[in-house]
Amino acid sequence: MKKVGLVLQGGGTRIAFSTGVVDVMMENNIFLPYVIGTSGGSMIAINYVSRNPGSSIKLITGYIKDKNFLSISNFRKRGSMFNFEYLMNEEKRREDIKFNQDEFDSGRTRMLAVATECSEGKAAYFELGKCKDIIQGVTASSSLPLVSKPYKIDKKEYLDGGLTDPIPFKKAFLDGNEKVIIIATRDYNFRKSEKPKHRGFLHMMYGVHYPEAYLACLNDGIVYNRAAEDVIKLEKEGKAFVVRPEDPITISHTEKDVDKINSLYKRGREAGKKYLKQIQEFINE
């Protein structure tokens, strides 16, 4: 188990699927010593480290219509439609969630959040206990293009980690893991268009001041598709066990229909239960 890492793909509210899978893992005492998440996957990673099953879906469904978390006014005030700092603070405040701060601070689980550093257009990794504030790292990791301006930490600025490391298994291997469990939010056949959408808006927002980040936005589809193919190779080599939706997820990354989100969460739980034994066997091989 010491050399098996958990890798969590992002996807906005599509992470409801991953949340369902991870909750089943936690309920069955599957706690790996390493977890890395991109974008919304990094939020799930926080709850995995703190061993709080059920908390992620409560946050998603409880706050997706909260204008303090997601709104146009947030973009005007903060530079992003999403306010993950508010969401994480709410998690710690709510008594029904019972955030396990002691476990979170224990150091038993190594956690990383992936972001894209704007000046170089390369992946950056924020690690719990090593960076100044992991919540800032999660916020940087989740700063989606077009709905977010670059998020500043110290003297550097960041965008969503999905641009440069959408399924961060390579970092997990570099950090010493020999195998990975990947929780994906896209089905086996999904591939992104390699022709960038909204090119004009992307250039307007990032092209002048952040040319490398702009290029990362343009290459988003190419980077994702390569990662998806690499994941399939890892599966065939026995180095990765992937839990992914069997059918395409059709909700958007900013879905506000709570019933649809809960339905996707249920799909994730069903997948977690279906593959639970195989996950346990993969860990213990």
C-alpha atoms as a PDB file:
ATOM      1  CA  MET A   1       0.000   0.000   0.000  1.00  0.00           C
ATOM      2  CA  LYS A   2       2.894   2.354   0.644  1.00  0.00           C
ATOM      3  CA  LYS A   3       3.625   2.513  -3.084  1.00  0.00           C
ATOM      4  CA  VAL A   4       0.085   2.930  -4.412  1.00  0.00           C
ATOM      5  CA  GLY A   5      -1.175   6.476  -4.990  1.00  0.00           C
ATOM      6  CA  LEU A   6      -4.647   7.889  -5.578  1.00  0.00           C
ATOM      7  CA  VAL A   7      -5.075  10.190  -8.594  1.00  0.00           C
ATOM      8  CA  LEU A   8      -8.199  12.354  -8.896  1.00  0.00           C
ATOM      9  CA  GLN A   9      -9.203  14.004 -12.169  1.00  0.00           C
ATOM     10  CA  GLY A  10     -11.101  17.299 -12.100  1.00  0.00           C
ATOM     11  CA  GLY A  11     -14.185  18.374 -14.014  1.00  0.00           C
ATOM     12  CA  GLY A  12     -16.196  20.950 -12.070  1.00  0.00           C
ATOM     13  CA  THR A  13     -19.453  19.500 -10.748  1.00  0.00           C
ATOM     14  CA  ARG A  14     -18.693  16.310 -12.685  1.00  0.00           C
ATOM     15  CA  ILE A  15     -16.520  15.405  -9.697  1.00  0.00           C
ATOM     16  CA  ALA A  16     -19.767  14.249  -8.064  1.00  0.00           C
ATOM     17  CA  PHE A  17     -18.958  10.909  -9.729  1.00  0.00           C
ATOM     18  CA  SER A  18     -15.479  10.787  -8.184  1.00  0.00           C
ATOM     19  CA  THR A  19     -16.915  11.805  -4.838  1.00  0.00           C
ATOM     20  CA  GLY A  20     -19.187   8.772  -4.880  1.00  0.00           C
ATOM     21  CA  VAL A  21     -16.297   6.417  -5.654  1.00  0.00           C
ATOM     22  CA  VAL A  22     -14.005   7.918  -3.032  1.00  0.00           C
ATOM     23  CA  ASP A  23     -16.728   7.866  -0.373  1.00  0.00           C
ATOM     24  CA  VAL A  24     -17.128   4.126  -0.895  1.00  0.00           C
ATOM     25  CA  MET A  25     -13.357   3.713  -0.585  1.00  0.00           C
ATOM     26  CA  MET A  26     -13.312   5.652   2.682  1.00  0.00           C
ATOM     27  CA  GLU A  27     -16.309   3.780   4.069  1.00  0.00           C
ATOM     28  CA  ASN A  28     -14.346   0.573   3.463  1.00  0.00           C
ATOM     29  CA  ASN A  29     -11.212   1.908   5.144  1.00  0.00           C
ATOM     30  CA  ILE A  30      -9.189   2.302   1.948  1.00  0.00           C
ATOM     31  CA  PHE A  31      -6.799   5.113   2.829  1.00  0.00           C
ATOM     32  CA  LEU A  32      -3.705   5.330   0.677  1.00  0.00           C
ATOM     33  CA  PRO A  33      -0.718   7.347   1.908  1.00  0.00           C
ATOM     34  CA  TYR A  34      -0.602   9.504  -1.240  1.00  0.00           C
ATOM     35  CA  VAL A  35      -3.294  11.470  -3.094  1.00  0.00           C
ATOM     36  CA  ILE A  36      -2.994  14.025  -5.880  1.00  0.00           C
ATOM     37  CA  GLY A  37      -5.860  15.964  -7.435  1.00  0.00           C
ATOM     38  CA  THR A  38      -6.340  18.325 -10.325  1.00  0.00           C
ATOM     39  CA  SER A  39      -8.911  21.125 -10.160  1.00  0.00           C
ATOM     40  CA  GLY A  40     -12.076  19.845  -8.432  1.00  0.00           C
ATOM     41  CA  GLY A  41     -10.227  16.607  -7.733  1.00  0.00           C
ATOM     42  CA  SER A  42      -8.027  18.498  -5.292  1.00  0.00           C
ATOM     43  CA  MET A  43     -11.121  19.422  -3.262  1.00  0.00           C
ATOM     44  CA  ILE A  44     -11.996  15.745  -2.957  1.00  0.00           C
ATOM     45  CA  ALA A  45      -8.387  15.107  -1.935  1.00  0.00           C
ATOM     46  CA  ILE A  46      -8.823  17.425   1.057  1.00  0.00           C
ATOM     47  CA  ASN A  47     -11.738  15.349   2.292  1.00  0.00           C
ATOM     48  CA  TYR A  48      -9.861  12.129   1.613  1.00  0.00           C
ATOM     49  CA  VAL A  49      -6.916  13.313   3.707  1.00  0.00           C
ATOM     50  CA  SER A  50      -9.234  14.395   6.534  1.00  0.00           C
ATOM     51  CA  ARG A  51     -11.154  11.107   6.236  1.00  0.00           C
ATOM     52  CA  ASN A  52     -14.542  12.783   5.908  1.00  0.00           C
ATOM     53  CA  PRO A  53     -16.821  10.579   3.755  1.00  0.00           C
ATOM     54  CA  GLY A  54     -19.959  12.349   2.624  1.00  0.00           C
ATOM     55  CA  SER A  55     -18.582  15.855   3.016  1.00  0.00           C
ATOM     56  CA  SER A  56     -17.704  16.547  -0.623  1.00  0.00           C
ATOM     57  CA  ILE A  57     -21.199  15.863  -1.937  1.00  0.00           C
ATOM     58  CA  LYS A  58     -22.722  17.928   0.874  1.00  0.00           C
ATOM     59  CA  LEU A  59     -20.549  20.849  -0.201  1.00  0.00           C
ATOM     60  CA  ILE A  60     -21.311  20.464  -3.903  1.00  0.00           C
ATOM     61  CA  THR A  61     -25.076  20.172  -3.519  1.00  0.00           C
ATOM     62  CA  GLY A  62     -25.322  22.564  -0.590  1.00  0.00           C
ATOM     63  CA  TYR A  63     -23.410  25.445  -2.141  1.00  0.00           C
ATOM     64  CA  ILE A  64     -23.713  25.157  -5.926  1.00  0.00           C
ATOM     65  CA  LYS A  65     -26.550  27.729  -5.827  1.00  0.00           C
ATOM     66  CA  ASP A  66     -24.880  29.873  -3.159  1.00  0.00           C
ATOM     67  CA  LYS A  67     -23.810  33.125  -4.803  1.00  0.00           C
ATOM     68  CA  ASN A  68     -20.989  33.442  -2.311  1.00  0.00           C
ATOM     69  CA  PHE A  69     -19.479  30.342  -3.918  1.00  0.00           C
ATOM     70  CA  LEU A  70     -20.495  30.600  -7.594  1.00  0.00           C
ATOM     71  CA  SER A  71     -21.650  33.795  -9.273  1.00  0.00           C
ATOM     72  CA  ILE A  72     -20.818  36.460 -11.832  1.00  0.00           C
ATOM     73  CA  SER A  73     -20.421  38.958  -8.984  1.00  0.00           C
ATOM     74  CA  ASN A  74     -17.575  36.793  -7.640  1.00  0.00           C
ATOM     75  CA  PHE A  75     -15.763  37.316 -10.937  1.00  0.00           C
ATOM     76  CA  ARG A  76     -16.084  41.083 -10.613  1.00  0.00           C
ATOM     77  CA  LYS A  77     -15.000  41.091  -6.964  1.00  0.00           C
ATOM     78  CA  ARG A  78     -12.426  38.287  -6.868  1.00  0.00           C
ATOM     79  CA  GLY A  79     -11.479  37.535 -10.455  1.00  0.00           C
ATOM     80  CA  SER A  80     -13.169  34.116 -10.442  1.00  0.00           C
ATOM     81  CA  MET A  81     -16.767  32.915 -10.573  1.00  0.00           C
ATOM     82  CA  PHE A  82     -15.813  30.276  -7.974  1.00  0.00           C
ATOM     83  CA  ASN A  83     -14.777  31.021  -4.395  1.00  0.00           C
ATOM     84  CA  PHE A  84     -13.173  27.840  -3.090  1.00  0.00           C
ATOM     85  CA  GLU A  85     -11.764  29.587  -0.033  1.00  0.00           C
ATOM     86  CA  TYR A  86     -15.325  30.345   1.053  1.00  0.00           C
ATOM     87  CA  LEU A  87     -16.352  26.745   0.378  1.00  0.00           C
ATOM     88  CA  MET A  88     -13.480  25.268   2.412  1.00  0.00           C
ATOM     89  CA  ASN A  89     -14.151  27.647   5.299  1.00  0.00           C
ATOM     90  CA  GLU A  90     -17.808  26.622   5.247  1.00  0.00           C
ATOM     91  CA  GLU A  91     -16.773  22.976   5.423  1.00  0.00           C
ATOM     92  CA  LYS A  92     -14.801  23.605   8.604  1.00  0.00           C
ATOM     93  CA  ARG A  93     -17.630  25.674  10.087  1.00  0.00           C
ATOM     94  CA  ARG A  94     -20.524  23.277   9.537  1.00  0.00           C
ATOM     95  CA  GLU A  95     -21.136  20.950  12.461  1.00  0.00           C
ATOM     96  CA  ASP A  96     -22.946  18.385  10.306  1.00  0.00           C
ATOM     97  CA  ILE A  97     -19.810  17.839   8.234  1.00  0.00           C
ATOM     98  CA  LYS A  98     -17.482  17.542  11.245  1.00  0.00           C
ATOM     99  CA  PHE A  99     -14.255  18.273   9.398  1.00  0.00           C
ATOM    100  CA  ASN A 100     -11.465  16.205  10.948  1.00  0.00           C
ATOM    101  CA  GLN A 101      -8.779  18.857  11.392  1.00  0.00           C
ATOM    102  CA  ASP A 102      -6.550  16.647  13.533  1.00  0.00           C
ATOM    103  CA  GLU A 103      -6.447  13.967  10.841  1.00  0.00           C
ATOM    104  CA  PHE A 104      -5.922  16.602   8.167  1.00  0.00           C
ATOM    105  CA  ASP A 105      -2.891  17.936  10.052  1.00  0.00           C
ATOM    106  CA  SER A 106      -1.523  14.524  11.031  1.00  0.00           C
ATOM    107  CA  GLY A 107       0.720  14.072   8.008  1.00  0.00           C
ATOM    108  CA  ARG A 108      -0.417  10.478   7.506  1.00  0.00           C
ATOM    109  CA  THR A 109      -1.470  11.208   3.937  1.00  0.00           C
ATOM    110  CA  ARG A 110       0.660  13.117   1.465  1.00  0.00           C
ATOM    111  CA  MET A 111      -1.568  15.400  -0.609  1.00  0.00           C
ATOM    112  CA  LEU A 112      -0.851  17.516  -3.689  1.00  0.00           C
ATOM    113  CA  ALA A 113      -2.963  19.894  -5.780  1.00  0.00           C
ATOM    114  CA  VAL A 114      -2.036  20.598  -9.410  1.00  0.00           C
ATOM    115  CA  ALA A 115      -2.170  24.088 -10.916  1.00  0.00           C
ATOM    116  CA  THR A 116      -0.754  25.747 -14.033  1.00  0.00           C
ATOM    117  CA  GLU A 117       1.853  28.439 -13.429  1.00  0.00           C
ATOM    118  CA  CYS A 118       1.083  31.253 -15.868  1.00  0.00           C
ATOM    119  CA  SER A 119       4.494  32.734 -16.656  1.00  0.00           C
ATOM    120  CA  GLU A 120       5.868  29.404 -17.904  1.00  0.00           C
ATOM    121  CA  GLY A 121       2.640  27.607 -18.772  1.00  0.00           C
ATOM    122  CA  LYS A 122       3.767  24.525 -16.854  1.00  0.00           C
ATOM    123  CA  ALA A 123       2.273  22.398 -14.110  1.00  0.00           C
ATOM    124  CA  ALA A 124       2.942  23.429 -10.506  1.00  0.00           C
ATOM    125  CA  TYR A 125       2.310  21.278  -7.457  1.00  0.00           C
ATOM    126  CA  PHE A 126       1.139  22.513  -4.057  1.00  0.00           C
ATOM    127  CA  GLU A 127       1.776  20.041  -1.271  1.00  0.00           C
ATOM    128  CA  LEU A 128       0.002  19.933   2.068  1.00  0.00           C
ATOM    129  CA  GLY A 129       2.429  20.843   4.841  1.00  0.00           C
ATOM    130  CA  LYS A 130       5.015  22.246   2.439  1.00  0.00           C
ATOM    131  CA  CYS A 131       3.153  25.106   0.789  1.00  0.00           C
ATOM    132  CA  LYS A 132       2.013  28.088   2.832  1.00  0.00           C
ATOM    133  CA  ASP A 133      -1.705  27.371   2.445  1.00  0.00           C
ATOM    134  CA  ILE A 134      -3.098  24.287   0.716  1.00  0.00           C
ATOM    135  CA  ILE A 135      -6.501  25.965   0.345  1.00  0.00           C
ATOM    136  CA  GLN A 136      -4.831  28.571  -1.838  1.00  0.00           C
ATOM    137  CA  GLY A 137      -3.295  25.703  -3.799  1.00  0.00           C
ATOM    138  CA  VAL A 138      -6.722  24.135  -4.301  1.00  0.00           C
ATOM    139  CA  THR A 139      -8.108  27.516  -5.386  1.00  0.00           C
ATOM    140  CA  ALA A 140      -5.278  27.934  -7.903  1.00  0.00           C
ATOM    141  CA  SER A 141      -5.819  24.377  -9.119  1.00  0.00           C
ATOM    142  CA  SER A 142      -9.514  25.110  -9.694  1.00  0.00           C
ATOM    143  CA  SER A 143      -9.168  28.462 -11.488  1.00  0.00           C
ATOM    144  CA  LEU A 144     -10.920  27.487 -14.706  1.00  0.00           C
ATOM    145  CA  PRO A 145     -10.028  29.458 -17.850  1.00  0.00           C
ATOM    146  CA  LEU A 146     -12.555  32.066 -19.010  1.00  0.00           C
ATOM    147  CA  VAL A 147     -14.428  32.040 -15.687  1.00  0.00           C
ATOM    148  CA  SER A 148     -11.288  32.917 -13.707  1.00  0.00           C
ATOM    149  CA  LYS A 149      -8.495  35.396 -13.897  1.00  0.00           C
ATOM    150  CA  PRO A 150      -5.101  34.001 -12.864  1.00  0.00           C
ATOM    151  CA  TYR A 151      -5.008  33.388  -9.111  1.00  0.00           C
ATOM    152  CA  LYS A 152      -2.074  35.001  -7.361  1.00  0.00           C
ATOM    153  CA  ILE A 153      -0.034  33.285  -4.656  1.00  0.00           C
ATOM    154  CA  ASP A 154       2.942  35.288  -3.455  1.00  0.00           C
ATOM    155  CA  LYS A 155       4.454  36.678  -6.670  1.00  0.00           C
ATOM    156  CA  LYS A 156       3.225  34.030  -9.090  1.00  0.00           C
ATOM    157  CA  GLU A 157      -0.106  33.547 -10.831  1.00  0.00           C
ATOM    158  CA  TYR A 158      -1.918  30.331 -11.632  1.00  0.00           C
ATOM    159  CA  LEU A 159      -4.756  28.802 -13.632  1.00  0.00           C
ATOM    160  CA  ASP A 160      -6.489  25.429 -13.557  1.00  0.00           C
ATOM    161  CA  GLY A 161      -4.189  22.408 -13.329  1.00  0.00           C
ATOM    162  CA  GLY A 162      -6.207  20.576 -15.955  1.00  0.00           C
ATOM    163  CA  LEU A 163      -4.518  22.625 -18.666  1.00  0.00           C
ATOM    164  CA  THR A 164      -1.121  21.047 -18.101  1.00  0.00           C
ATOM    165  CA  ASP A 165      -1.660  17.910 -15.982  1.00  0.00           C
ATOM    166  CA  PRO A 166      -5.303  16.815 -16.258  1.00  0.00           C
ATOM    167  CA  ILE A 167      -4.700  13.276 -14.916  1.00  0.00           C
ATOM    168  CA  PRO A 168      -1.587  13.672 -12.758  1.00  0.00           C
ATOM    169  CA  PHE A 169      -0.334  10.097 -12.659  1.00  0.00           C
ATOM    170  CA  LYS A 170       3.176  11.024 -13.858  1.00  0.00           C
ATOM    171  CA  LYS A 171       3.755  13.143 -10.761  1.00  0.00           C
ATOM    172  CA  ALA A 172       2.495  10.266  -8.606  1.00  0.00           C
ATOM    173  CA  PHE A 173       5.102   7.967 -10.165  1.00  0.00           C
ATOM    174  CA  LEU A 174       7.840  10.591  -9.830  1.00  0.00           C
ATOM    175  CA  ASP A 175       7.001  10.804  -6.133  1.00  0.00           C
ATOM    176  CA  GLY A 176       7.793   7.121  -5.676  1.00  0.00           C
ATOM    177  CA  ASN A 177       4.506   5.329  -6.267  1.00  0.00           C
ATOM    178  CA  GLU A 178       4.743   2.119  -8.257  1.00  0.00           C
ATOM    179  CA  LYS A 179       1.032   1.893  -9.084  1.00  0.00           C
ATOM    180  CA  VAL A 180      -1.900   4.288  -9.113  1.00  0.00           C
ATOM    181  CA  ILE A 181      -5.644   4.157  -8.678  1.00  0.00           C
ATOM    182  CA  ILE A 182      -7.170   6.761 -11.004  1.00  0.00           C
ATOM    183  CA  ILE A 183     -10.688   8.088 -10.474  1.00  0.00           C
ATOM    184  CA  ALA A 184     -11.737   9.656 -13.770  1.00  0.00           C
ATOM    185  CA  THR A 185     -14.692  11.871 -14.599  1.00  0.00           C
ATOM    186  CA  ARG A 186     -14.732  10.975 -18.283  1.00  0.00           C
ATOM    187  CA  ASP A 187     -15.652   7.698 -19.941  1.00  0.00           C
ATOM    188  CA  TYR A 188     -13.186   5.445 -21.781  1.00  0.00           C
ATOM    189  CA  ASN A 189     -13.903   6.869 -25.239  1.00  0.00           C
ATOM    190  CA  PHE A 190     -14.051  10.557 -24.359  1.00  0.00           C
ATOM    191  CA  ARG A 191     -11.527  12.777 -26.123  1.00  0.00           C
ATOM    192  CA  LYS A 192     -11.407  16.543 -26.285  1.00  0.00           C
ATOM    193  CA  SER A 193     -11.464  18.529 -29.489  1.00  0.00           C
ATOM    194  CA  GLU A 194      -7.932  19.583 -30.330  1.00  0.00           C
ATOM    195  CA  LYS A 195      -9.244  22.744 -31.956  1.00  0.00           C
ATOM    196  CA  PRO A 196      -9.448  25.296 -29.131  1.00  0.00           C
ATOM    197  CA  LYS A 197     -12.818  26.886 -28.465  1.00  0.00           C
ATOM    198  CA  HIS A 198     -13.291  30.554 -27.585  1.00  0.00           C
ATOM    199  CA  ARG A 199      -9.842  31.395 -28.937  1.00  0.00           C
ATOM    200  CA  GLY A 200     -10.654  35.093 -29.131  1.00  0.00           C
ATOM    201  CA  PHE A 201     -11.842  35.292 -25.535  1.00  0.00           C
ATOM    202  CA  LEU A 202      -8.842  33.293 -24.343  1.00  0.00           C
ATOM    203  CA  HIS A 203      -6.497  35.668 -26.123  1.00  0.00           C
ATOM    204  CA  MET A 204      -8.298  38.675 -24.701  1.00  0.00           C
ATOM    205  CA  MET A 205      -7.989  37.332 -21.151  1.00  0.00           C
ATOM    206  CA  TYR A 206      -4.527  35.774 -21.231  1.00  0.00           C
ATOM    207  CA  GLY A 207      -2.794  36.295 -24.581  1.00  0.00           C
ATOM    208  CA  VAL A 208      -1.066  39.597 -23.885  1.00  0.00           C
ATOM    209  CA  HIS A 209       0.000  39.289 -20.243  1.00  0.00           C
ATOM    210  CA  TYR A 210       0.226  35.496 -19.987  1.00  0.00           C
ATOM    211  CA  PRO A 211       1.318  34.181 -23.411  1.00  0.00           C
ATOM    212  CA  GLU A 212       2.518  30.818 -22.067  1.00  0.00           C
ATOM    213  CA  ALA A 213      -0.733  30.288 -20.190  1.00  0.00           C
ATOM    214  CA  TYR A 214      -2.599  31.224 -23.363  1.00  0.00           C
ATOM    215  CA  LEU A 215      -0.672  28.538 -25.266  1.00  0.00           C
ATOM    216  CA  ALA A 216      -1.528  26.053 -22.519  1.00  0.00           C
ATOM    217  CA  CYS A 217      -5.216  26.902 -23.028  1.00  0.00           C
ATOM    218  CA  LEU A 218      -4.883  26.346 -26.777  1.00  0.00           C
ATOM    219  CA  ASN A 219      -3.163  22.978 -26.264  1.00  0.00           C
ATOM    220  CA  ASP A 220      -5.614  21.784 -23.629  1.00  0.00           C
ATOM    221  CA  GLY A 221      -7.218  19.168 -25.882  1.00  0.00           C
ATOM    222  CA  ILE A 222      -3.905  17.770 -27.103  1.00  0.00           C
ATOM    223  CA  VAL A 223      -2.560  17.427 -23.555  1.00  0.00           C
ATOM    224  CA  TYR A 224      -5.728  15.758 -22.296  1.00  0.00           C
ATOM    225  CA  ASN A 225      -5.944  13.273 -25.163  1.00  0.00           C
ATOM    226  CA  ARG A 226      -2.326  12.209 -24.716  1.00  0.00           C
ATOM    227  CA  ALA A 227      -2.930  11.678 -21.010  1.00  0.00           C
ATOM    228  CA  ALA A 228      -6.053   9.607 -21.720  1.00  0.00           C
ATOM    229  CA  GLU A 229      -4.097   7.340 -24.080  1.00  0.00           C
ATOM    230  CA  ASP A 230      -1.258   7.002 -21.561  1.00  0.00           C
ATOM    231  CA  VAL A 231      -3.756   5.946 -18.885  1.00  0.00           C
ATOM    232  CA  ILE A 232      -4.988   3.117 -21.131  1.00  0.00           C
ATOM    233  CA  LYS A 233      -1.388   1.929 -21.583  1.00  0.00           C
ATOM    234  CA  LEU A 234      -0.858   1.964 -17.819  1.00  0.00           C
ATOM    235  CA  GLU A 235      -3.986  -0.138 -17.363  1.00  0.00           C
ATOM    236  CA  LYS A 236      -2.701  -2.727 -19.824  1.00  0.00           C
ATOM    237  CA  GLU A 237       0.659  -2.806 -18.029  1.00  0.00           C
ATOM    238  CA  GLY A 238      -1.013  -3.358 -14.669  1.00  0.00           C
ATOM    239  CA  LYS A 239       0.325  -0.084 -13.281  1.00  0.00           C
ATOM    240  CA  ALA A 240      -3.038   1.641 -13.014  1.00  0.00           C
ATOM    241  CA  PHE A 241      -6.532   0.691 -11.942  1.00  0.00           C
ATOM    242  CA  VAL A 242      -9.054   3.148 -13.335  1.00  0.00           C
ATOM    243  CA  VAL A 243     -12.599   3.746 -12.160  1.00  0.00           C
ATOM    244  CA  ARG A 244     -14.423   5.792 -14.767  1.00  0.00           C
ATOM    245  CA  PRO A 245     -18.077   6.323 -15.737  1.00  0.00           C
ATOM    246  CA  GLU A 246     -19.286   3.608 -18.101  1.00  0.00           C
ATOM    247  CA  ASP A 247     -21.468   6.079 -19.989  1.00  0.00           C
ATOM    248  CA  PRO A 248     -20.661   9.700 -20.838  1.00  0.00           C
ATOM    249  CA  ILE A 249     -21.316  12.288 -18.161  1.00  0.00           C
ATOM    250  CA  THR A 250     -23.603  14.845 -19.752  1.00  0.00           C
ATOM    251  CA  ILE A 251     -23.820  17.541 -17.067  1.00  0.00           C
ATOM    252  CA  SER A 252     -21.706  20.663 -17.423  1.00  0.00           C
ATOM    253  CA  HIS A 253     -18.827  21.617 -15.131  1.00  0.00           C
ATOM    254  CA  THR A 254     -21.082  24.288 -13.568  1.00  0.00           C
ATOM    255  CA  GLU A 255     -24.257  22.196 -13.266  1.00  0.00           C
ATOM    256  CA  LYS A 256     -26.718  23.655 -10.728  1.00  0.00           C
ATOM    257  CA  ASP A 257     -29.433  21.004 -10.863  1.00  0.00           C
ATOM    258  CA  VAL A 258     -29.020  19.256  -7.502  1.00  0.00           C
ATOM    259  CA  ASP A 259     -31.007  16.217  -8.623  1.00  0.00           C
ATOM    260  CA  LYS A 260     -28.631  15.667 -11.552  1.00  0.00           C
ATOM    261  CA  ILE A 261     -25.618  16.085  -9.281  1.00  0.00           C
ATOM    262  CA  ASN A 262     -27.003  13.610  -6.760  1.00  0.00           C
ATOM    263  CA  SER A 263     -27.775  11.160  -9.566  1.00  0.00           C
ATOM    264  CA  LEU A 264     -24.161  11.375 -10.723  1.00  0.00           C
ATOM    265  CA  TYR A 265     -22.968  10.873  -7.151  1.00  0.00           C
ATOM    266  CA  LYS A 266     -25.105   7.728  -7.004  1.00  0.00           C
ATOM    267  CA  ARG A 267     -23.448   6.501 -10.209  1.00  0.00           C
ATOM    268  CA  GLY A 268     -20.080   7.038  -8.564  1.00  0.00           C
ATOM    269  CA  ARG A 269     -21.119   5.073  -5.490  1.00  0.00           C
ATOM    270  CA  GLU A 270     -22.381   2.234  -7.677  1.00  0.00           C
ATOM    271  CA  ALA A 271     -19.063   2.166  -9.534  1.00  0.00           C
ATOM    272  CA  GLY A 272     -17.150   2.232  -6.257  1.00  0.00           C
ATOM    273  CA  LYS A 273     -19.105  -0.768  -4.952  1.00  0.00           C
ATOM    274  CA  LYS A 274     -18.803  -2.610  -8.261  1.00  0.00           C
ATOM    275  CA  TYR A 275     -15.016  -2.296  -8.329  1.00  0.00           C
ATOM    276  CA  LEU A 276     -14.346  -2.348  -4.577  1.00  0.00           C
ATOM    277  CA  LYS A 277     -12.978  -5.884  -4.498  1.00  0.00           C
ATOM    278  CA  GLN A 278     -10.772  -5.241  -7.529  1.00  0.00           C
ATOM    279  CA  ILE A 279      -9.441  -2.040  -5.948  1.00  0.00           C
ATOM    280  CA  GLN A 280      -8.553  -3.957  -2.791  1.00  0.00           C
ATOM    281  CA  GLU A 281      -6.867  -6.708  -4.798  1.00  0.00           C
ATOM    282  CA  PHE A 282      -4.945  -4.152  -6.868  1.00  0.00           C
ATOM    283  CA  ILE A 283      -3.642  -2.510  -3.697  1.00  0.00           C
ATOM    284  CA  ASN A 284      -2.597  -5.806  -2.135  1.00  0.00           C
ATOM    285  CA  GLU A 285      -0.959  -7.388  -5.192  1.00  0.00           C
END
